[in-house]
Amino acid sequence: MDRSFHSRLTIPAIMMVVVMAALALFFFWQRTGVAALLGMALFALTAVVVERLVHTEYVLTGDGRLVVRRGRWLKEKNIPLADITEVKEVGAMFGIVKYVLISYGAGHHVALQPANAGAFIGEMAKRQVQYNSDNEIKQYEI
């Protein structure tokens, strides 16, 4: 059975969208051709950022994979749960932003921001015990 977790909306991400939209409106206010082009480019970029924030999800599949979908327009990343070596929750920006850092394979890392990090890490730990072939204990930090 698949279980999906949605991405957390953070204050810095929302502030970035607001600043980009305000800057785009400022460029439209200038009434020059170059400023209008910059305004349209910023509005398009703002739409891409909002789409990515809203449609990012992390799916733990029934066949033992973690699927990271970062919006509709980007390629999804498939990570076998058996390849994951370490999962830990990390804080950044003076504790304002927290994310889950996953180490897998030969030195690969991916940073995720699930809305409920504790439930996400717990579900990964449960599923990894099922799909781990060498019964090795993995390191999980919450």
N, C-alpha and C. Protein backbone atom coordinates (compact mmCIF):
# COMPACT_ATOMS: atom_id res chain seq x y z
N MET A 1 0.84 -1.17 0.00
CA MET A 1 0.00 0.00 0.00
C MET A 1 0.89 1.25 0.00
N ASP A 2 0.54 2.20 -0.82
CA ASP A 2 1.30 3.44 -0.91
C ASP A 2 0.86 4.41 0.18
N ARG A 3 1.81 5.16 0.67
CA ARG A 3 1.51 6.22 1.64
C ARG A 3 2.20 7.48 1.18
N SER A 4 1.46 8.56 1.07
CA SER A 4 2.05 9.80 0.57
C SER A 4 2.08 10.86 1.67
N PHE A 5 3.12 11.66 1.61
CA PHE A 5 3.31 12.78 2.54
C PHE A 5 3.50 14.03 1.69
N HIS A 6 2.81 15.08 2.06
CA HIS A 6 2.93 16.34 1.32
C HIS A 6 4.03 17.20 1.92
N SER A 7 4.49 18.13 1.14
CA SER A 7 5.57 19.01 1.55
C SER A 7 5.06 20.08 2.52
N ARG A 8 5.93 20.50 3.39
CA ARG A 8 5.62 21.55 4.36
C ARG A 8 5.85 22.91 3.70
N LEU A 9 4.92 23.82 3.90
CA LEU A 9 5.10 25.20 3.45
C LEU A 9 5.82 25.95 4.56
N THR A 10 6.97 26.50 4.25
CA THR A 10 7.76 27.22 5.25
C THR A 10 7.60 28.72 5.08
N ILE A 11 7.91 29.45 6.13
CA ILE A 11 7.81 30.91 6.09
C ILE A 11 8.77 31.50 5.05
N PRO A 12 10.03 31.05 4.94
CA PRO A 12 10.89 31.61 3.90
C PRO A 12 10.37 31.35 2.48
N ALA A 13 9.74 30.21 2.24
CA ALA A 13 9.21 29.93 0.91
C ALA A 13 8.04 30.86 0.58
N ILE A 14 7.17 31.08 1.54
CA ILE A 14 6.04 31.99 1.32
C ILE A 14 6.54 33.41 1.13
N MET A 15 7.53 33.81 1.92
CA MET A 15 8.09 35.16 1.75
C MET A 15 8.74 35.33 0.38
N MET A 16 9.39 34.28 -0.13
CA MET A 16 10.01 34.35 -1.45
C MET A 16 8.95 34.56 -2.53
N VAL A 17 7.83 33.88 -2.43
CA VAL A 17 6.76 34.04 -3.41
C VAL A 17 6.19 35.46 -3.35
N VAL A 18 5.98 35.98 -2.16
CA VAL A 18 5.43 37.32 -2.00
C VAL A 18 6.40 38.37 -2.56
N VAL A 19 7.68 38.23 -2.27
CA VAL A 19 8.67 39.19 -2.77
C VAL A 19 8.77 39.13 -4.29
N MET A 20 8.76 37.92 -4.85
CA MET A 20 8.83 37.79 -6.31
C MET A 20 7.61 38.41 -6.99
N ALA A 21 6.42 38.20 -6.43
CA ALA A 21 5.21 38.78 -7.00
C ALA A 21 5.22 40.30 -6.88
N ALA A 22 5.68 40.82 -5.74
CA ALA A 22 5.76 42.27 -5.56
C ALA A 22 6.78 42.89 -6.52
N LEU A 23 7.89 42.22 -6.72
CA LEU A 23 8.90 42.71 -7.66
C LEU A 23 8.36 42.69 -9.09
N ALA A 24 7.60 41.66 -9.44
CA ALA A 24 7.00 41.60 -10.78
C ALA A 24 6.01 42.75 -10.97
N LEU A 25 5.20 43.03 -9.95
CA LEU A 25 4.27 44.17 -10.04
C LEU A 25 5.02 45.49 -10.15
N PHE A 26 6.12 45.61 -9.44
CA PHE A 26 6.93 46.82 -9.54
C PHE A 26 7.46 47.02 -10.96
N PHE A 27 7.91 45.96 -11.59
CA PHE A 27 8.41 46.07 -12.96
C PHE A 27 7.29 46.44 -13.92
N PHE A 28 6.08 45.93 -13.71
CA PHE A 28 4.96 46.32 -14.57
C PHE A 28 4.60 47.79 -14.38
N TRP A 29 4.82 48.31 -13.20
CA TRP A 29 4.49 49.70 -12.89
C TRP A 29 5.39 50.67 -13.66
N GLN A 30 6.57 50.25 -14.06
CA GLN A 30 7.56 51.14 -14.67
C GLN A 30 7.21 51.56 -16.10
N ARG A 31 6.39 50.83 -16.81
CA ARG A 31 5.90 51.17 -18.15
C ARG A 31 6.99 51.28 -19.20
N THR A 32 7.97 50.44 -19.15
CA THR A 32 8.95 50.35 -20.23
C THR A 32 8.94 48.93 -20.77
N GLY A 33 9.42 48.75 -21.96
CA GLY A 33 9.41 47.43 -22.57
C GLY A 33 10.26 46.42 -21.83
N VAL A 34 11.44 46.84 -21.43
CA VAL A 34 12.34 45.93 -20.71
C VAL A 34 11.75 45.57 -19.35
N ALA A 35 11.18 46.55 -18.66
CA ALA A 35 10.59 46.28 -17.35
C ALA A 35 9.38 45.35 -17.48
N ALA A 36 8.59 45.52 -18.55
CA ALA A 36 7.45 44.63 -18.76
C ALA A 36 7.91 43.20 -19.01
N LEU A 37 8.97 43.02 -19.78
CA LEU A 37 9.51 41.67 -20.01
C LEU A 37 10.03 41.06 -18.72
N LEU A 38 10.72 41.86 -17.92
CA LEU A 38 11.19 41.36 -16.62
C LEU A 38 10.02 40.99 -15.71
N GLY A 39 8.97 41.80 -15.74
CA GLY A 39 7.78 41.51 -14.95
C GLY A 39 7.11 40.22 -15.37
N MET A 40 6.99 40.00 -16.69
CA MET A 40 6.39 38.75 -17.17
C MET A 40 7.25 37.55 -16.80
N ALA A 41 8.58 37.69 -16.90
CA ALA A 41 9.47 36.60 -16.54
C ALA A 41 9.34 36.28 -15.04
N LEU A 42 9.24 37.32 -14.21
CA LEU A 42 9.10 37.08 -12.77
C LEU A 42 7.75 36.45 -12.44
N PHE A 43 6.68 36.86 -13.15
CA PHE A 43 5.39 36.23 -12.91
C PHE A 43 5.42 34.75 -13.31
N ALA A 44 6.08 34.44 -14.42
CA ALA A 44 6.19 33.04 -14.84
C ALA A 44 7.00 32.24 -13.82
N LEU A 45 8.09 32.81 -13.34
CA LEU A 45 8.92 32.15 -12.34
C LEU A 45 8.15 31.96 -11.03
N THR A 46 7.35 32.95 -10.66
CA THR A 46 6.53 32.84 -9.46
C THR A 46 5.52 31.71 -9.60
N ALA A 47 4.92 31.57 -10.77
CA ALA A 47 3.97 30.48 -11.00
C ALA A 47 4.65 29.12 -10.89
N VAL A 48 5.87 29.01 -11.40
CA VAL A 48 6.61 27.74 -11.31
C VAL A 48 6.93 27.43 -9.85
N VAL A 49 7.34 28.43 -9.10
CA VAL A 49 7.68 28.21 -7.68
C VAL A 49 6.44 27.80 -6.89
N VAL A 50 5.31 28.46 -7.12
CA VAL A 50 4.08 28.12 -6.40
C VAL A 50 3.63 26.70 -6.77
N GLU A 51 3.71 26.35 -8.05
CA GLU A 51 3.33 25.01 -8.48
C GLU A 51 4.22 23.96 -7.82
N ARG A 52 5.49 24.25 -7.71
CA ARG A 52 6.41 23.31 -7.09
C ARG A 52 6.15 23.19 -5.58
N LEU A 53 5.83 24.30 -4.93
CA LEU A 53 5.54 24.25 -3.49
C LEU A 53 4.26 23.47 -3.21
N VAL A 54 3.26 23.65 -4.04
CA VAL A 54 1.96 23.03 -3.78
C VAL A 54 1.95 21.54 -4.15
N HIS A 55 2.63 21.15 -5.22
CA HIS A 55 2.53 19.79 -5.72
C HIS A 55 3.71 18.88 -5.36
N THR A 56 4.55 19.28 -4.44
CA THR A 56 5.63 18.40 -4.00
C THR A 56 5.07 17.38 -3.02
N GLU A 57 5.39 16.10 -3.29
CA GLU A 57 4.96 15.05 -2.38
C GLU A 57 6.00 13.94 -2.36
N TYR A 58 5.96 13.18 -1.26
CA TYR A 58 6.89 12.07 -1.05
C TYR A 58 6.04 10.82 -0.83
N VAL A 59 6.23 9.81 -1.67
CA VAL A 59 5.40 8.62 -1.64
C VAL A 59 6.26 7.41 -1.27
N LEU A 60 5.83 6.69 -0.24
CA LEU A 60 6.44 5.41 0.12
C LEU A 60 5.57 4.34 -0.51
N THR A 61 6.11 3.64 -1.51
CA THR A 61 5.32 2.68 -2.28
C THR A 61 5.28 1.32 -1.60
N GLY A 62 4.34 0.50 -2.05
CA GLY A 62 4.19 -0.84 -1.51
C GLY A 62 5.31 -1.78 -1.91
N ASP A 63 6.04 -1.45 -2.98
CA ASP A 63 7.13 -2.34 -3.41
C ASP A 63 8.49 -1.89 -2.89
N GLY A 64 8.53 -1.02 -1.88
CA GLY A 64 9.78 -0.69 -1.21
C GLY A 64 10.60 0.42 -1.84
N ARG A 65 9.93 1.46 -2.32
CA ARG A 65 10.64 2.60 -2.91
C ARG A 65 10.12 3.89 -2.29
N LEU A 66 10.99 4.89 -2.27
CA LEU A 66 10.61 6.25 -1.92
C LEU A 66 10.60 7.04 -3.22
N VAL A 67 9.44 7.60 -3.57
CA VAL A 67 9.29 8.38 -4.79
C VAL A 67 9.16 9.84 -4.38
N VAL A 68 10.08 10.67 -4.88
CA VAL A 68 10.09 12.10 -4.58
C VAL A 68 9.58 12.82 -5.82
N ARG A 69 8.41 13.45 -5.70
CA ARG A 69 7.83 14.22 -6.80
C ARG A 69 7.90 15.70 -6.43
N ARG A 70 8.64 16.45 -7.20
CA ARG A 70 8.81 17.89 -6.93
C ARG A 70 8.05 18.69 -7.98
N GLY A 71 6.75 18.58 -7.96
CA GLY A 71 5.92 19.32 -8.90
C GLY A 71 5.62 18.48 -10.13
N ARG A 72 4.78 19.03 -10.99
CA ARG A 72 4.34 18.31 -12.18
C ARG A 72 5.37 18.32 -13.30
N TRP A 73 6.23 19.31 -13.35
CA TRP A 73 7.09 19.50 -14.50
C TRP A 73 8.49 18.92 -14.33
N LEU A 74 8.84 18.50 -13.15
CA LEU A 74 10.17 17.93 -12.93
C LEU A 74 10.09 16.41 -12.85
N LYS A 75 11.18 15.76 -13.19
CA LYS A 75 11.24 14.31 -13.16
C LYS A 75 11.23 13.82 -11.72
N GLU A 76 10.49 12.74 -11.48
CA GLU A 76 10.45 12.19 -10.13
C GLU A 76 11.69 11.34 -9.88
N LYS A 77 12.06 11.26 -8.59
CA LYS A 77 13.24 10.50 -8.18
C LYS A 77 12.78 9.26 -7.42
N ASN A 78 13.24 8.09 -7.84
CA ASN A 78 12.91 6.82 -7.19
C ASN A 78 14.13 6.33 -6.42
N ILE A 79 13.94 6.10 -5.12
CA ILE A 79 15.02 5.64 -4.25
C ILE A 79 14.56 4.34 -3.58
N PRO A 80 15.24 3.22 -3.82
CA PRO A 80 14.89 1.97 -3.12
C PRO A 80 15.17 2.12 -1.61
N LEU A 81 14.23 1.67 -0.80
CA LEU A 81 14.39 1.78 0.65
C LEU A 81 15.59 0.97 1.15
N ALA A 82 15.93 -0.08 0.45
CA ALA A 82 17.08 -0.90 0.86
C ALA A 82 18.40 -0.16 0.68
N ASP A 83 18.44 0.85 -0.21
CA ASP A 83 19.67 1.61 -0.45
C ASP A 83 19.88 2.75 0.55
N ILE A 84 18.88 3.08 1.34
CA ILE A 84 18.98 4.19 2.28
C ILE A 84 19.85 3.79 3.46
N THR A 85 20.87 4.61 3.72
CA THR A 85 21.80 4.29 4.81
C THR A 85 21.58 5.12 6.06
N GLU A 86 21.05 6.34 5.90
CA GLU A 86 20.88 7.20 7.07
C GLU A 86 19.73 8.18 6.82
N VAL A 87 18.94 8.41 7.84
CA VAL A 87 17.85 9.37 7.80
C VAL A 87 17.93 10.19 9.08
N LYS A 88 18.01 11.52 8.93
CA LYS A 88 18.02 12.36 10.13
C LYS A 88 17.34 13.69 9.84
N GLU A 89 16.77 14.24 10.91
CA GLU A 89 16.11 15.54 10.80
C GLU A 89 17.13 16.61 11.15
N VAL A 90 17.26 17.63 10.29
CA VAL A 90 18.28 18.66 10.43
C VAL A 90 17.59 20.02 10.43
N GLY A 91 18.10 20.92 11.25
CA GLY A 91 17.60 22.29 11.28
C GLY A 91 18.55 23.22 10.56
N ALA A 92 18.00 24.23 9.91
CA ALA A 92 18.80 25.21 9.20
C ALA A 92 18.20 26.59 9.43
N MET A 93 18.94 27.61 9.06
CA MET A 93 18.51 29.00 9.18
C MET A 93 18.08 29.32 10.61
N PHE A 94 18.94 29.03 11.56
CA PHE A 94 18.71 29.31 12.97
C PHE A 94 17.46 28.61 13.51
N GLY A 95 17.16 27.43 12.99
CA GLY A 95 16.03 26.65 13.47
C GLY A 95 14.70 27.01 12.83
N ILE A 96 14.67 27.94 11.90
CA ILE A 96 13.41 28.32 11.25
C ILE A 96 12.95 27.22 10.31
N VAL A 97 13.87 26.63 9.57
CA VAL A 97 13.54 25.60 8.59
C VAL A 97 14.12 24.28 9.07
N LYS A 98 13.31 23.23 9.05
CA LYS A 98 13.77 21.89 9.38
C LYS A 98 13.49 21.00 8.18
N TYR A 99 14.41 20.08 7.91
CA TYR A 99 14.23 19.17 6.81
C TYR A 99 14.78 17.81 7.19
N VAL A 100 14.39 16.80 6.42
CA VAL A 100 14.84 15.42 6.62
C VAL A 100 15.92 15.15 5.59
N LEU A 101 17.12 14.81 6.05
CA LEU A 101 18.23 14.51 5.17
C LEU A 101 18.36 13.00 5.05
N ILE A 102 18.27 12.51 3.80
CA ILE A 102 18.35 11.07 3.53
C ILE A 102 19.62 10.80 2.75
N SER A 103 20.45 9.90 3.28
CA SER A 103 21.66 9.45 2.59
C SER A 103 21.38 8.08 2.00
N TYR A 104 21.76 7.90 0.73
CA TYR A 104 21.51 6.63 0.07
C TYR A 104 22.59 6.36 -0.97
N GLY A 105 22.70 5.10 -1.32
CA GLY A 105 23.64 4.70 -2.38
C GLY A 105 25.07 5.04 -2.04
N ALA A 106 25.83 5.43 -3.06
CA ALA A 106 27.25 5.73 -2.92
C ALA A 106 27.45 7.23 -2.70
N GLY A 107 27.11 7.72 -1.53
CA GLY A 107 27.33 9.12 -1.21
C GLY A 107 26.30 10.08 -1.74
N HIS A 108 25.09 9.62 -2.06
CA HIS A 108 24.03 10.50 -2.53
C HIS A 108 23.20 10.98 -1.35
N HIS A 109 22.68 12.19 -1.47
CA HIS A 109 21.84 12.78 -0.42
C HIS A 109 20.65 13.45 -1.07
N VAL A 110 19.54 13.48 -0.33
CA VAL A 110 18.36 14.22 -0.76
C VAL A 110 17.75 14.85 0.49
N ALA A 111 17.34 16.11 0.37
CA ALA A 111 16.72 16.82 1.49
C ALA A 111 15.23 16.96 1.21
N LEU A 112 14.41 16.52 2.17
CA LEU A 112 12.96 16.55 2.03
C LEU A 112 12.36 17.37 3.16
N GLN A 113 11.21 17.97 2.91
CA GLN A 113 10.50 18.72 3.94
C GLN A 113 9.06 18.23 4.05
N PRO A 114 8.86 17.04 4.63
CA PRO A 114 7.49 16.56 4.79
C PRO A 114 6.75 17.36 5.86
N ALA A 115 5.43 17.44 5.71
CA ALA A 115 4.63 18.20 6.67
C ALA A 115 4.70 17.59 8.07
N ASN A 116 4.72 16.29 8.17
CA ASN A 116 4.81 15.60 9.45
C ASN A 116 6.08 14.75 9.42
N ALA A 117 7.20 15.34 9.82
CA ALA A 117 8.49 14.67 9.70
C ALA A 117 8.58 13.43 10.58
N GLY A 118 8.03 13.47 11.76
CA GLY A 118 8.10 12.32 12.66
C GLY A 118 7.37 11.11 12.10
N ALA A 119 6.18 11.32 11.55
CA ALA A 119 5.42 10.22 10.96
C ALA A 119 6.12 9.70 9.70
N PHE A 120 6.72 10.59 8.94
CA PHE A 120 7.44 10.20 7.72
C PHE A 120 8.64 9.31 8.06
N ILE A 121 9.43 9.73 9.04
CA ILE A 121 10.60 8.95 9.44
C ILE A 121 10.18 7.61 10.05
N GLY A 122 9.12 7.62 10.86
CA GLY A 122 8.63 6.37 11.44
C GLY A 122 8.13 5.40 10.39
N GLU A 123 7.40 5.89 9.40
CA GLU A 123 6.90 5.02 8.33
C GLU A 123 8.06 4.48 7.49
N MET A 124 9.07 5.31 7.24
CA MET A 124 10.24 4.83 6.50
C MET A 124 10.96 3.73 7.27
N ALA A 125 11.10 3.90 8.57
CA ALA A 125 11.77 2.89 9.39
C ALA A 125 11.02 1.57 9.38
N LYS A 126 9.67 1.63 9.47
CA LYS A 126 8.86 0.42 9.43
C LYS A 126 9.00 -0.30 8.10
N ARG A 127 8.92 0.45 7.02
CA ARG A 127 8.98 -0.16 5.70
C ARG A 127 10.38 -0.65 5.35
N GLN A 128 11.39 0.02 5.85
CA GLN A 128 12.75 -0.40 5.50
C GLN A 128 13.09 -1.73 6.16
N VAL A 129 12.54 -2.00 7.32
CA VAL A 129 12.77 -3.29 7.97
C VAL A 129 12.18 -4.40 7.10
N GLN A 130 11.04 -4.14 6.44
CA GLN A 130 10.41 -5.13 5.58
C GLN A 130 11.24 -5.41 4.33
N TYR A 131 11.82 -4.35 3.74
CA TYR A 131 12.47 -4.49 2.44
C TYR A 131 13.98 -4.55 2.48
N ASN A 132 14.57 -4.53 3.67
CA ASN A 132 16.03 -4.59 3.78
C ASN A 132 16.46 -6.04 3.67
N SER A 133 17.27 -6.34 2.67
CA SER A 133 17.65 -7.73 2.40
C SER A 133 18.72 -8.26 3.37
N ASP A 134 19.62 -7.40 3.84
CA ASP A 134 20.70 -7.88 4.69
C ASP A 134 20.42 -7.70 6.18
N ASN A 135 19.19 -7.30 6.54
CA ASN A 135 18.76 -7.12 7.93
C ASN A 135 19.70 -6.23 8.73
N GLU A 136 20.29 -5.27 8.07
CA GLU A 136 21.20 -4.34 8.74
C GLU A 136 20.38 -3.23 9.42
N ILE A 137 20.75 -2.86 10.60
CA ILE A 137 20.06 -1.78 11.32
C ILE A 137 20.54 -0.45 10.73
N LYS A 138 19.59 0.37 10.30
CA LYS A 138 19.92 1.68 9.73
C LYS A 138 19.82 2.73 10.82
N GLN A 139 20.44 3.86 10.59
CA GLN A 139 20.47 4.92 11.59
C GLN A 139 19.36 5.93 11.29
N TYR A 140 18.45 6.12 12.26
CA TYR A 140 17.38 7.10 12.13
C TYR A 140 17.46 8.04 13.30
N GLU A 141 17.43 9.32 13.01
CA GLU A 141 17.46 10.34 14.07
C GLU A 141 16.25 11.25 13.91
N ILE A 142 15.59 11.50 15.01
CA ILE A 142 14.45 12.44 14.99
C ILE A 142 14.78 13.60 15.88
